[in-house]
Amino acid sequence: MSTEQGANSQNAPAHVAGLDSRFCDMNDAPLSHTIGPNGAKRAINLCAGQASLPQEVLEKAAAEFVDTDGSGTSIMEMGYRSKPFHRIMERAEASFRTLLNVPDTHEVHFFNGGATLQFAAVPLNLMGGENEGKAADYLMSGHWSEKARNEAKMFGKVNEVAKDPEGTYFSIPPASEWNCDPNAAYFHYTSADTRQGLEIRNFDYDALPPGVPLCCDASANLGSFPMDIARHDVVYAAAHKNFSGSGICYAIIRKDLISRKNQMKAMPTMCNWVKFQEAPNKIYNVPVLTSVWLGMLNCEWMIEKGGIPYFEKLAIERSNLLYDLIDSSDGFYRTFVTAESGFRSRMQVVFTVKTGTGDDIALVEEFLRETNDDLGWLDIRSHPLGLGHDVIRVTMYNHQTIDTITVVRDYMKKFMDSHNTGGEE
């Protein structure tokens, strides 16, 4: 490692995962790695973005990187107006549509900017024109729904249909208690919030007022369960969690909503759905070519593996490895979103040790120190939950391996046994 690299990493914020030490210098310790398909050691990568990707797809991408799709050029130097890239775009859309069973009533776009840009694009495209003056309904379920709400507030009135007054969002009120606006421009919800480990897989469509478009930020769980795309009007997801590399947002939009009739007058080009829809092959400016291509390879691989049924089964098995241990730990481990709530996430298991407060904070910090500092695990410390202390988060998006989560489970059991040999301390 060069002096400059060392200095940069030393100056990184405190929440940055990992160590200055390289994985190759510390991977001999038990529970510090898994063994990949090619026999090489792989880090315990629990990062939420960029998230882990299938090694098989990465190796295929590496093999085709210099000569991509027989074009004689690398994807890194391919012109976005060239036929080779347009063929990749078409394959990327076709495989994504097939994987998620996207109906012909909806368009698919690969927008630049990740999901965060769509936090603004949704209100910009749906709260103007004929919808001017109408409020937008937002179901509040955590940090990312707050982010989406805050962006929408810059463009119009937001009606929070349900909100946790404490701001922890460990559960959601039943739909019968939602305060929906029957004339809303649209209804927005976040299908999985990553901070506290809350997930909505069974949205109550009956709670939606008739005629109100349903929009969903599905960044954290798209592809892990059979979402009914036809009953949604807008579904968008940052690619870097469940499908590809960073820089793009997969967007599924009902065709008749891509219209100037509901757009705001002041419309930034990169948020303008119509501008992209009317461009040749829906490519208005240079997209993040590598992420579109990698997403194509990955979606094709996901289809080969068995599609959504395969990845839903994997998500259930993976998360249950940890939930089963937590629920049988006699209170040594505790999640914040309970099984009884019906909102436990399969994509993030967020938990603490014992109470996680007072003297137990030292146990949480010991867990985090050992896994991060001694074993080199990446991104095991959760985002702050507003509780005044750190908690533990295990991210397991679509391509997280069962082997990785088995290592996490085994360490959790070892840690519990070493501190709880005589029962409750």
Protein backbone atom coordinates (compact mmCIF):
# COMPACT_ATOMS: atom_id res chain seq x y z
CA MET A 1 0.00 0.00 0.00
CA SER A 2 1.39 3.40 -0.93
CA THR A 3 1.75 6.23 1.58
CA GLU A 4 -0.91 8.18 -0.28
CA GLN A 5 -3.38 5.27 -0.13
CA GLY A 6 -2.71 4.83 3.57
CA ALA A 7 -3.28 8.52 4.24
CA ASN A 8 -6.55 8.53 2.34
CA SER A 9 -7.92 5.56 4.22
CA GLN A 10 -6.79 7.05 7.53
CA ASN A 11 -8.81 10.15 6.74
CA ALA A 12 -11.97 8.20 5.95
CA PRO A 13 -14.99 8.82 8.20
CA ALA A 14 -15.28 6.64 11.29
CA HIS A 15 -18.19 4.63 9.89
CA VAL A 16 -16.19 3.41 6.87
CA ALA A 17 -15.99 -0.38 7.02
CA GLY A 18 -12.84 -2.47 7.12
CA LEU A 19 -9.21 -1.82 8.00
CA ASP A 20 -6.09 -0.42 6.44
CA SER A 21 -4.79 -4.00 6.35
CA ARG A 22 -5.50 -5.86 3.14
CA PHE A 23 -7.68 -8.96 3.10
CA CYS A 24 -4.83 -11.05 1.70
CA ASP A 25 -2.73 -10.23 4.78
CA MET A 26 -5.34 -11.34 7.33
CA ASN A 27 -7.45 -14.09 5.76
CA ASP A 28 -5.88 -17.07 7.52
CA ALA A 29 -8.03 -16.63 10.62
CA PRO A 30 -11.05 -18.91 11.00
CA LEU A 31 -14.36 -17.15 10.26
CA SER A 32 -12.59 -14.47 8.21
CA HIS A 33 -13.54 -15.77 4.77
CA THR A 34 -15.43 -18.20 2.59
CA ILE A 35 -14.15 -20.29 -0.29
CA GLY A 36 -15.46 -19.23 -3.69
CA PRO A 37 -16.39 -21.47 -6.65
CA ASN A 38 -12.82 -21.31 -7.97
CA GLY A 39 -11.28 -22.25 -4.62
CA ALA A 40 -10.11 -18.72 -3.77
CA LYS A 41 -10.78 -17.10 -0.42
CA ARG A 42 -13.50 -14.44 -0.40
CA ALA A 43 -13.97 -11.71 2.21
CA ILE A 44 -17.04 -11.60 4.43
CA ASN A 45 -18.62 -8.82 2.43
CA LEU A 46 -21.75 -7.47 4.16
CA CYS A 47 -21.75 -4.14 2.35
CA ALA A 48 -25.11 -2.62 1.49
CA GLY A 49 -23.83 -0.65 -1.48
CA GLN A 50 -21.96 -1.61 -3.53
CA ALA A 51 -23.23 -5.03 -2.49
CA SER A 52 -21.67 -8.40 -3.25
CA LEU A 53 -22.16 -9.87 -6.72
CA PRO A 54 -22.04 -13.49 -7.92
CA GLN A 55 -18.49 -14.63 -8.49
CA GLU A 56 -19.61 -16.51 -11.60
CA VAL A 57 -20.91 -13.26 -13.11
CA LEU A 58 -17.78 -11.34 -12.13
CA GLU A 59 -15.58 -13.96 -13.77
CA LYS A 60 -17.67 -13.89 -16.94
CA ALA A 61 -17.42 -10.09 -16.97
CA ALA A 62 -13.65 -10.29 -16.51
CA ALA A 63 -13.33 -12.71 -19.42
CA GLU A 64 -15.37 -10.42 -21.71
CA PHE A 65 -14.08 -7.10 -20.46
CA VAL A 66 -11.51 -6.43 -23.20
CA ASP A 67 -13.61 -7.83 -26.05
CA THR A 68 -17.21 -7.32 -24.94
CA ASP A 69 -19.91 -9.33 -26.69
CA GLY A 70 -17.62 -10.01 -29.66
CA SER A 71 -17.53 -6.31 -30.54
CA GLY A 72 -13.76 -5.96 -30.69
CA THR A 73 -14.00 -3.22 -28.08
CA SER A 74 -14.30 -3.10 -24.31
CA ILE A 75 -17.51 -1.96 -22.69
CA MET A 76 -15.37 0.79 -21.16
CA GLU A 77 -14.71 2.30 -24.59
CA MET A 78 -17.93 1.42 -26.39
CA GLY A 79 -19.87 4.28 -27.93
CA TYR A 80 -23.33 4.71 -26.46
CA ARG A 81 -24.76 5.40 -29.91
CA SER A 82 -23.18 2.30 -31.41
CA LYS A 83 -25.09 -0.83 -32.40
CA PRO A 84 -22.98 -3.04 -30.10
CA PHE A 85 -24.13 -1.07 -27.08
CA HIS A 86 -27.72 -0.85 -28.29
CA ARG A 87 -27.74 -4.64 -28.52
CA ILE A 88 -26.53 -4.78 -24.91
CA MET A 89 -29.28 -2.36 -23.85
CA GLU A 90 -31.90 -4.50 -25.55
CA ARG A 91 -30.59 -7.68 -23.92
CA ALA A 92 -30.43 -5.92 -20.55
CA GLU A 93 -34.06 -4.86 -20.78
CA ALA A 94 -35.26 -8.22 -22.10
CA SER A 95 -33.60 -10.20 -19.29
CA PHE A 96 -34.81 -7.76 -16.62
CA ARG A 97 -38.37 -7.96 -17.97
CA THR A 98 -38.27 -11.74 -18.06
CA LEU A 99 -36.84 -12.04 -14.54
CA LEU A 100 -39.44 -9.76 -12.94
CA ASN A 101 -42.36 -10.56 -15.27
CA VAL A 102 -42.74 -6.91 -16.27
CA PRO A 103 -45.98 -6.48 -18.27
CA ASP A 104 -46.15 -4.75 -21.65
CA THR A 105 -48.09 -1.91 -20.01
CA HIS A 106 -44.88 -0.72 -18.37
CA GLU A 107 -41.65 0.73 -19.73
CA VAL A 108 -38.21 -0.15 -18.39
CA HIS A 109 -35.49 2.49 -18.05
CA PHE A 110 -31.91 2.43 -16.81
CA PHE A 111 -31.65 5.97 -15.47
CA ASN A 112 -28.39 7.53 -14.33
CA GLY A 113 -28.12 8.65 -10.73
CA GLY A 114 -29.27 5.73 -8.60
CA ALA A 115 -32.54 5.69 -6.67
CA THR A 116 -31.83 9.00 -4.97
CA LEU A 117 -32.34 10.93 -8.20
CA GLN A 118 -35.74 9.27 -8.59
CA PHE A 119 -36.73 10.65 -5.19
CA ALA A 120 -36.93 13.94 -7.09
CA ALA A 121 -37.97 12.55 -10.46
CA VAL A 122 -41.16 10.95 -9.12
CA PRO A 123 -42.71 14.20 -7.83
CA LEU A 124 -41.33 16.19 -10.77
CA ASN A 125 -43.10 13.90 -13.22
CA LEU A 126 -46.32 13.30 -11.26
CA MET A 127 -47.11 16.46 -9.23
CA GLY A 128 -47.37 19.00 -12.03
CA GLY A 129 -49.82 19.82 -14.80
CA GLU A 130 -53.20 18.21 -14.14
CA ASN A 131 -51.97 17.20 -10.67
CA GLU A 132 -50.75 20.65 -9.69
CA GLY A 133 -51.76 21.44 -6.12
CA LYS A 134 -52.43 17.82 -5.20
CA ALA A 135 -50.58 16.24 -2.31
CA ALA A 136 -48.51 13.08 -2.55
CA ASP A 137 -49.07 10.28 -0.03
CA TYR A 138 -45.95 8.84 1.62
CA LEU A 139 -45.99 5.78 3.86
CA MET A 140 -43.26 6.39 6.41
CA SER A 141 -41.31 3.24 7.24
CA GLY A 142 -37.75 4.34 7.94
CA HIS A 143 -34.69 6.30 6.87
CA TRP A 144 -35.14 5.87 3.12
CA SER A 145 -38.82 6.75 3.13
CA GLU A 146 -37.79 9.91 5.00
CA LYS A 147 -35.22 10.67 2.30
CA ALA A 148 -37.86 10.23 -0.43
CA ARG A 149 -40.37 12.36 1.49
CA ASN A 150 -37.85 15.15 2.06
CA GLU A 151 -37.12 15.35 -1.65
CA ALA A 152 -40.82 15.43 -2.55
CA LYS A 153 -41.44 18.23 -0.06
CA MET A 154 -39.30 20.53 -2.19
CA PHE A 155 -41.82 20.27 -5.02
CA GLY A 156 -45.21 20.11 -3.34
CA LYS A 157 -47.32 19.05 -0.42
CA VAL A 158 -46.63 15.67 1.19
CA ASN A 159 -49.19 13.77 3.25
CA GLU A 160 -47.61 11.25 5.63
CA VAL A 161 -50.17 8.47 5.76
CA ALA A 162 -48.50 6.78 8.74
CA LYS A 163 -45.58 7.87 10.85
CA ASP A 164 -43.73 6.60 13.91
CA PRO A 165 -43.58 9.52 16.37
CA GLU A 166 -40.37 8.10 17.85
CA GLY A 167 -38.74 7.81 14.43
CA THR A 168 -37.45 4.26 14.97
CA TYR A 169 -39.87 2.51 12.57
CA PHE A 170 -39.71 -0.93 14.14
CA SER A 171 -43.24 -1.59 12.88
CA ILE A 172 -45.91 -0.01 10.67
CA PRO A 173 -49.53 0.72 11.67
CA PRO A 174 -52.17 -1.48 9.99
CA ALA A 175 -53.51 -0.14 6.70
CA SER A 176 -56.87 0.52 8.33
CA GLU A 177 -55.17 3.33 10.28
CA TRP A 178 -53.49 4.99 7.29
CA ASN A 179 -54.55 8.54 6.56
CA CYS A 180 -54.69 8.39 2.77
CA ASP A 181 -55.66 11.35 0.58
CA PRO A 182 -58.29 10.10 -1.91
CA ASN A 183 -57.14 12.75 -4.41
CA ALA A 184 -53.39 12.26 -4.03
CA ALA A 185 -51.14 12.64 -7.06
CA TYR A 186 -49.58 9.31 -6.10
CA PHE A 187 -48.88 6.99 -3.15
CA HIS A 188 -45.23 6.17 -2.37
CA TYR A 189 -43.72 3.52 -0.14
CA THR A 190 -40.31 1.93 0.45
CA SER A 191 -40.51 -1.86 0.30
CA ALA A 192 -37.50 -2.48 2.54
CA ASP A 193 -35.70 -0.09 4.85
CA THR A 194 -32.14 -1.13 5.46
CA ARG A 195 -31.31 0.64 8.72
CA GLN A 196 -33.56 -1.19 11.14
CA GLY A 197 -34.31 -4.28 9.04
CA LEU A 198 -37.96 -3.68 8.08
CA GLU A 199 -39.50 -5.07 4.90
CA ILE A 200 -42.93 -4.83 3.24
CA ARG A 201 -43.60 -7.83 0.98
CA ASN A 202 -47.40 -7.90 1.21
CA PHE A 203 -48.54 -4.40 0.43
CA ASP A 204 -52.23 -3.90 1.22
CA TYR A 205 -53.56 -2.80 -2.16
CA ASP A 206 -57.05 -2.38 -0.71
CA ALA A 207 -55.78 0.57 1.33
CA LEU A 208 -54.93 2.49 -1.83
CA PRO A 209 -57.59 5.03 -2.89
CA PRO A 210 -59.01 4.20 -6.35
CA GLY A 211 -57.13 5.77 -9.22
CA VAL A 212 -54.09 6.85 -7.16
CA PRO A 213 -50.84 5.66 -8.81
CA LEU A 214 -48.71 3.39 -6.62
CA CYS A 215 -44.97 4.10 -6.55
CA CYS A 216 -42.37 1.97 -4.79
CA ASP A 217 -38.69 2.32 -4.00
CA ALA A 218 -37.74 -1.37 -4.13
CA SER A 219 -33.97 -0.89 -4.05
CA ALA A 220 -33.37 -3.24 -1.14
CA ASN A 221 -35.52 -6.24 -2.07
CA LEU A 222 -36.43 -6.25 -5.77
CA GLY A 223 -35.83 -9.70 -7.22
CA SER A 224 -36.05 -11.48 -3.86
CA PHE A 225 -39.79 -12.14 -3.87
CA PRO A 226 -42.60 -12.13 -6.47
CA MET A 227 -43.61 -8.45 -6.46
CA ASP A 228 -46.80 -7.85 -8.44
CA ILE A 229 -45.42 -5.33 -10.92
CA ALA A 230 -48.75 -5.01 -12.74
CA ARG A 231 -50.38 -3.58 -9.59
CA HIS A 232 -47.68 -0.93 -9.28
CA ASP A 233 -47.41 2.13 -11.48
CA VAL A 234 -43.79 3.02 -10.73
CA VAL A 235 -41.15 0.68 -9.29
CA TYR A 236 -37.56 1.83 -9.06
CA ALA A 237 -34.44 0.31 -7.57
CA ALA A 238 -30.81 1.31 -7.30
CA ALA A 239 -28.87 -1.28 -9.30
CA HIS A 240 -25.97 -1.60 -6.86
CA LYS A 241 -27.83 -3.66 -4.25
CA ASN A 242 -29.49 -6.52 -6.09
CA PHE A 243 -28.56 -6.38 -9.77
CA SER A 244 -25.40 -4.63 -10.90
CA GLY A 245 -22.81 -1.96 -10.23
CA SER A 246 -23.49 1.53 -8.95
CA GLY A 247 -24.55 4.54 -10.99
CA ILE A 248 -27.91 3.52 -12.45
CA CYS A 249 -31.47 3.06 -11.30
CA TYR A 250 -33.73 0.39 -12.74
CA ALA A 251 -37.13 2.02 -13.26
CA ILE A 252 -40.40 0.36 -14.28
CA ILE A 253 -43.02 2.96 -15.20
CA ARG A 254 -46.56 2.52 -16.49
CA LYS A 255 -46.53 3.87 -20.02
CA ASP A 256 -49.33 6.42 -19.67
CA LEU A 257 -47.54 8.05 -16.72
CA ILE A 258 -44.62 9.00 -18.97
CA SER A 259 -46.41 12.10 -20.14
CA ARG A 260 -46.12 15.87 -20.08
CA LYS A 261 -49.63 16.19 -18.66
CA ASN A 262 -48.49 15.67 -15.07
CA GLN A 263 -44.97 17.11 -15.31
CA MET A 264 -43.81 20.21 -13.54
CA LYS A 265 -42.90 23.19 -15.70
CA ALA A 266 -39.33 23.43 -14.41
CA MET A 267 -38.03 19.98 -15.25
CA PRO A 268 -34.33 19.06 -14.95
CA THR A 269 -33.32 17.02 -17.98
CA MET A 270 -31.95 14.08 -15.99
CA CYS A 271 -35.30 13.71 -14.19
CA ASN A 272 -37.43 14.03 -17.32
CA TRP A 273 -39.00 10.64 -18.06
CA VAL A 274 -40.45 11.91 -21.34
CA LYS A 275 -37.08 13.13 -22.59
CA PHE A 276 -35.56 9.66 -22.10
CA GLN A 277 -38.60 7.84 -23.45
CA GLU A 278 -38.50 9.79 -26.71
CA ALA A 279 -34.73 9.31 -27.22
CA PRO A 280 -33.49 6.58 -29.62
CA ASN A 281 -33.65 3.27 -27.75
CA LYS A 282 -34.47 5.36 -24.64
CA ILE A 283 -30.82 6.53 -24.48
CA TYR A 284 -30.74 10.32 -24.12
CA ASN A 285 -27.18 10.77 -22.90
CA VAL A 286 -24.22 8.55 -22.03
CA PRO A 287 -25.47 5.93 -19.57
CA VAL A 288 -23.28 4.05 -17.13
CA LEU A 289 -22.41 1.48 -19.75
CA THR A 290 -20.57 -0.94 -17.47
CA SER A 291 -23.47 -1.13 -15.01
CA VAL A 292 -26.02 -1.72 -17.78
CA TRP A 293 -23.82 -4.50 -19.17
CA LEU A 294 -23.07 -6.09 -15.82
CA GLY A 295 -26.77 -5.98 -14.96
CA MET A 296 -27.52 -7.80 -18.22
CA LEU A 297 -25.04 -10.56 -17.38
CA ASN A 298 -26.41 -10.82 -13.88
CA CYS A 299 -30.09 -10.93 -14.83
CA GLU A 300 -29.36 -13.64 -17.38
CA TRP A 301 -27.51 -15.58 -14.68
CA MET A 302 -30.40 -15.13 -12.23
CA ILE A 303 -32.81 -16.54 -14.81
CA GLU A 304 -30.52 -19.53 -15.36
CA LYS A 305 -30.44 -20.16 -11.59
CA GLY A 306 -34.22 -20.40 -11.47
CA GLY A 307 -35.44 -16.81 -11.34
CA ILE A 308 -37.46 -15.29 -8.51
CA PRO A 309 -38.52 -18.63 -6.92
CA TYR A 310 -34.84 -19.56 -6.50
CA PHE A 311 -33.86 -16.23 -4.98
CA GLU A 312 -36.88 -16.06 -2.68
CA LYS A 313 -36.03 -19.52 -1.33
CA LEU A 314 -32.43 -18.42 -0.86
CA ALA A 315 -33.51 -15.23 0.94
CA ILE A 316 -35.67 -17.22 3.35
CA GLU A 317 -33.00 -19.82 4.08
CA ARG A 318 -30.27 -17.21 4.45
CA SER A 319 -32.12 -14.92 6.86
CA ASN A 320 -33.49 -17.83 8.89
CA LEU A 321 -29.94 -18.94 9.66
CA LEU A 322 -29.64 -15.82 11.79
CA TYR A 323 -33.22 -15.36 12.96
CA ASP A 324 -33.40 -18.94 14.22
CA LEU A 325 -30.25 -18.40 16.28
CA ILE A 326 -31.43 -15.02 17.58
CA ASP A 327 -34.88 -16.31 18.54
CA SER A 328 -33.42 -19.31 20.37
CA SER A 329 -30.69 -17.33 22.17
CA ASP A 330 -32.79 -16.76 25.31
CA GLY A 331 -32.39 -13.00 24.96
CA PHE A 332 -28.65 -12.90 24.30
CA TYR A 333 -29.41 -11.50 20.83
CA ARG A 334 -32.41 -9.33 20.06
CA THR A 335 -33.81 -7.83 16.88
CA PHE A 336 -35.64 -4.50 16.83
CA VAL A 337 -38.23 -5.53 14.25
CA THR A 338 -39.92 -8.53 15.83
CA ALA A 339 -41.21 -11.69 14.17
CA GLU A 340 -44.69 -10.86 15.50
CA SER A 341 -44.77 -7.57 13.59
CA GLY A 342 -44.71 -9.36 10.25
CA PHE A 343 -42.15 -6.88 8.91
CA ARG A 344 -38.84 -8.61 9.57
CA SER A 345 -36.52 -8.14 6.62
CA ARG A 346 -34.95 -11.02 4.74
CA MET A 347 -32.38 -8.64 3.29
CA GLN A 348 -30.99 -7.09 6.48
CA VAL A 349 -30.90 -8.74 9.88
CA VAL A 350 -30.39 -5.92 12.38
CA PHE A 351 -29.84 -6.85 16.01
CA THR A 352 -28.07 -6.10 19.26
CA VAL A 353 -26.58 -8.03 22.17
CA LYS A 354 -28.87 -8.42 25.19
CA THR A 355 -30.40 -4.99 25.85
CA GLY A 356 -27.80 -3.19 23.71
CA THR A 357 -27.77 -0.42 26.32
CA GLY A 358 -25.92 0.35 29.55
CA ASP A 359 -23.29 -2.24 30.36
CA ASP A 360 -24.35 -4.29 27.32
CA ILE A 361 -22.98 -1.63 24.97
CA ALA A 362 -19.54 -3.06 25.73
CA LEU A 363 -20.66 -6.44 24.37
CA VAL A 364 -21.91 -4.84 21.16
CA GLU A 365 -18.62 -2.99 20.71
CA GLU A 366 -16.64 -6.16 21.38
CA PHE A 367 -18.66 -7.98 18.72
CA LEU A 368 -18.06 -5.17 16.23
CA ARG A 369 -14.37 -4.84 17.09
CA GLU A 370 -13.66 -8.54 16.69
CA THR A 371 -15.54 -8.92 13.41
CA ASN A 372 -14.29 -5.71 11.84
CA ASP A 373 -10.76 -5.40 13.25
CA ASP A 374 -9.74 -9.02 13.79
CA LEU A 375 -11.66 -10.81 11.04
CA GLY A 376 -11.91 -8.05 8.43
CA TRP A 377 -15.66 -8.30 7.90
CA LEU A 378 -17.00 -5.46 5.78
CA ASP A 379 -19.90 -3.25 6.89
CA ILE A 380 -21.06 -5.14 9.99
CA ARG A 381 -21.84 -1.93 11.91
CA SER A 382 -25.35 -0.64 11.21
CA HIS A 383 -26.27 2.91 10.37
CA PRO A 384 -27.32 4.79 13.53
CA LEU A 385 -30.92 4.05 14.51
CA GLY A 386 -31.31 7.14 16.69
CA LEU A 387 -30.87 5.06 19.83
CA GLY A 388 -27.65 6.65 21.06
CA HIS A 389 -25.56 3.52 20.51
CA ASP A 390 -24.39 1.26 17.71
CA VAL A 391 -26.10 -1.94 16.60
CA ILE A 392 -25.18 -4.84 14.32
CA ARG A 393 -26.42 -5.26 10.75
CA VAL A 394 -25.94 -8.20 8.39
CA THR A 395 -26.80 -7.37 4.78
CA MET A 396 -27.80 -10.21 2.50
CA TYR A 397 -29.05 -9.00 -0.84
CA ASN A 398 -29.88 -11.34 -3.72
CA HIS A 399 -26.32 -12.49 -4.34
CA GLN A 400 -25.11 -12.92 -0.80
CA THR A 401 -23.96 -16.52 -0.47
CA ILE A 402 -25.35 -18.92 2.09
CA ASP A 403 -21.74 -19.74 2.97
CA THR A 404 -21.10 -16.15 4.03
CA ILE A 405 -24.13 -16.06 6.31
CA THR A 406 -23.17 -19.44 7.73
CA VAL A 407 -19.84 -17.91 8.80
CA VAL A 408 -21.74 -15.04 10.43
CA ARG A 409 -24.03 -17.50 12.22
CA ASP A 410 -21.09 -19.56 13.44
CA TYR A 411 -19.32 -16.50 14.82
CA MET A 412 -22.51 -15.33 16.54
CA LYS A 413 -22.86 -18.72 18.22
CA LYS A 414 -19.20 -18.71 19.28
CA PHE A 415 -19.50 -15.18 20.67
CA MET A 416 -22.67 -16.06 22.58
CA ASP A 417 -21.17 -19.23 24.03
CA SER A 418 -18.04 -17.41 25.19
CA HIS A 419 -20.10 -14.82 27.08
CA ASN A 420 -22.97 -16.95 28.23
CA THR A 421 -21.43 -20.24 29.31
CA GLY A 422 -23.22 -20.24 32.62
CA GLY A 423 -26.49 -18.90 31.36
CA GLU A 424 -27.60 -15.35 32.09
CA GLU A 425 -24.77 -13.24 33.48
